[in-house]
Protein backbone atom coordinates (compact mmCIF):
# COMPACT_ATOMS: atom_id res chain seq x y z
CA UNK A 1 0.15 0.11 0.33
CA UNK A 2 2.88 2.52 0.63
CA UNK A 3 4.80 1.35 -2.08
CA UNK A 4 3.23 3.39 -4.69
CA UNK A 5 3.61 6.40 -2.43
CA UNK A 6 7.16 6.07 -2.07
CA UNK A 7 7.75 5.40 -5.64
CA UNK A 8 5.56 8.77 -6.49
CA UNK A 9 8.09 10.63 -4.08
CA UNK A 10 11.23 8.96 -5.28
CA UNK A 11 10.49 9.90 -8.84
CA UNK A 12 9.71 13.77 -7.73
CA UNK A 13 12.87 13.91 -6.00
CA UNK A 14 14.98 12.61 -9.17
CA UNK A 15 12.81 15.07 -11.58
CA UNK A 16 13.96 17.73 -9.52
CA UNK A 17 17.38 16.94 -8.59
CA UNK A 18 18.29 16.26 -12.48
CA UNK A 19 16.60 19.82 -13.43
CA UNK A 20 17.91 21.74 -11.04
CA UNK A 21 20.98 22.97 -13.38
CA UNK A 22 18.94 22.84 -16.54
CA UNK A 23 19.93 26.24 -17.40
CA UNK A 24 23.47 25.87 -17.33
CA UNK A 25 23.71 22.29 -19.02
CA UNK A 26 23.93 23.24 -22.25
CA UNK A 27 26.44 26.42 -21.68
CA UNK A 28 30.52 25.55 -21.69
CA UNK A 29 32.29 27.98 -21.16
CA UNK A 30 36.06 28.75 -22.17
CA UNK A 31 38.39 31.32 -20.57
CA UNK A 32 39.97 33.38 -22.88
CA UNK A 33 42.86 35.16 -21.68
CA UNK A 34 43.81 37.42 -24.23
CA UNK A 35 40.38 39.03 -23.89
CA UNK A 36 40.86 39.97 -20.69
CA UNK A 37 40.28 43.24 -19.11
CA UNK A 38 42.67 44.05 -16.23
CA UNK A 39 41.01 41.87 -13.09
CA UNK A 40 38.32 40.79 -14.97
CA UNK A 41 38.42 37.46 -17.32
CA UNK A 42 36.78 37.24 -20.82
CA UNK A 43 34.46 33.69 -21.18
CA UNK A 44 33.29 32.38 -24.27
CA UNK A 45 30.16 29.94 -24.35
CA UNK A 46 31.19 27.56 -27.09
CA UNK A 47 27.72 26.17 -27.34
CA UNK A 48 25.51 29.74 -27.84
CA UNK A 49 28.42 31.98 -28.36
CA UNK A 50 27.84 34.22 -25.51
CA UNK A 51 30.52 36.39 -23.81
CA UNK A 52 30.78 37.31 -20.35
CA UNK A 53 33.61 39.02 -18.23
CA UNK A 54 33.80 37.99 -14.47
CA UNK A 55 36.00 38.39 -11.65
CA UNK A 56 35.75 35.16 -10.12
CA UNK A 57 35.20 31.94 -12.21
CA UNK A 58 32.78 31.27 -15.30
CA UNK A 59 29.34 32.06 -15.11
CA UNK A 60 26.79 29.71 -13.54
CA UNK A 61 23.87 30.02 -16.16
CA UNK A 62 23.36 30.65 -19.80
CA UNK A 63 23.79 34.85 -20.81
CA UNK A 64 22.85 34.16 -24.41
CA UNK A 65 19.28 35.66 -23.70
CA UNK A 66 20.67 38.78 -22.00
CA UNK A 67 21.60 40.49 -25.35
CA UNK A 68 18.49 39.41 -27.40
CA UNK A 69 15.51 41.79 -27.90
CA UNK A 70 12.07 40.15 -26.72
CA UNK A 71 8.66 40.55 -28.52
């Protein structure tokens, strides 16, 4: 009787865990040292072509939609 309830809870937990980083799953950031500006390092996304300048580490999400106009 309790087995189906535990199964549903397990499926929901796995789905939440699998989709927690869905925004960055497609982006692969690469450091571009030639494009650095002082303390800011330049990062290019190999997948979507976005560029970002960061002081500490690569971006944690996709930035491709920031420069595109909406409808």
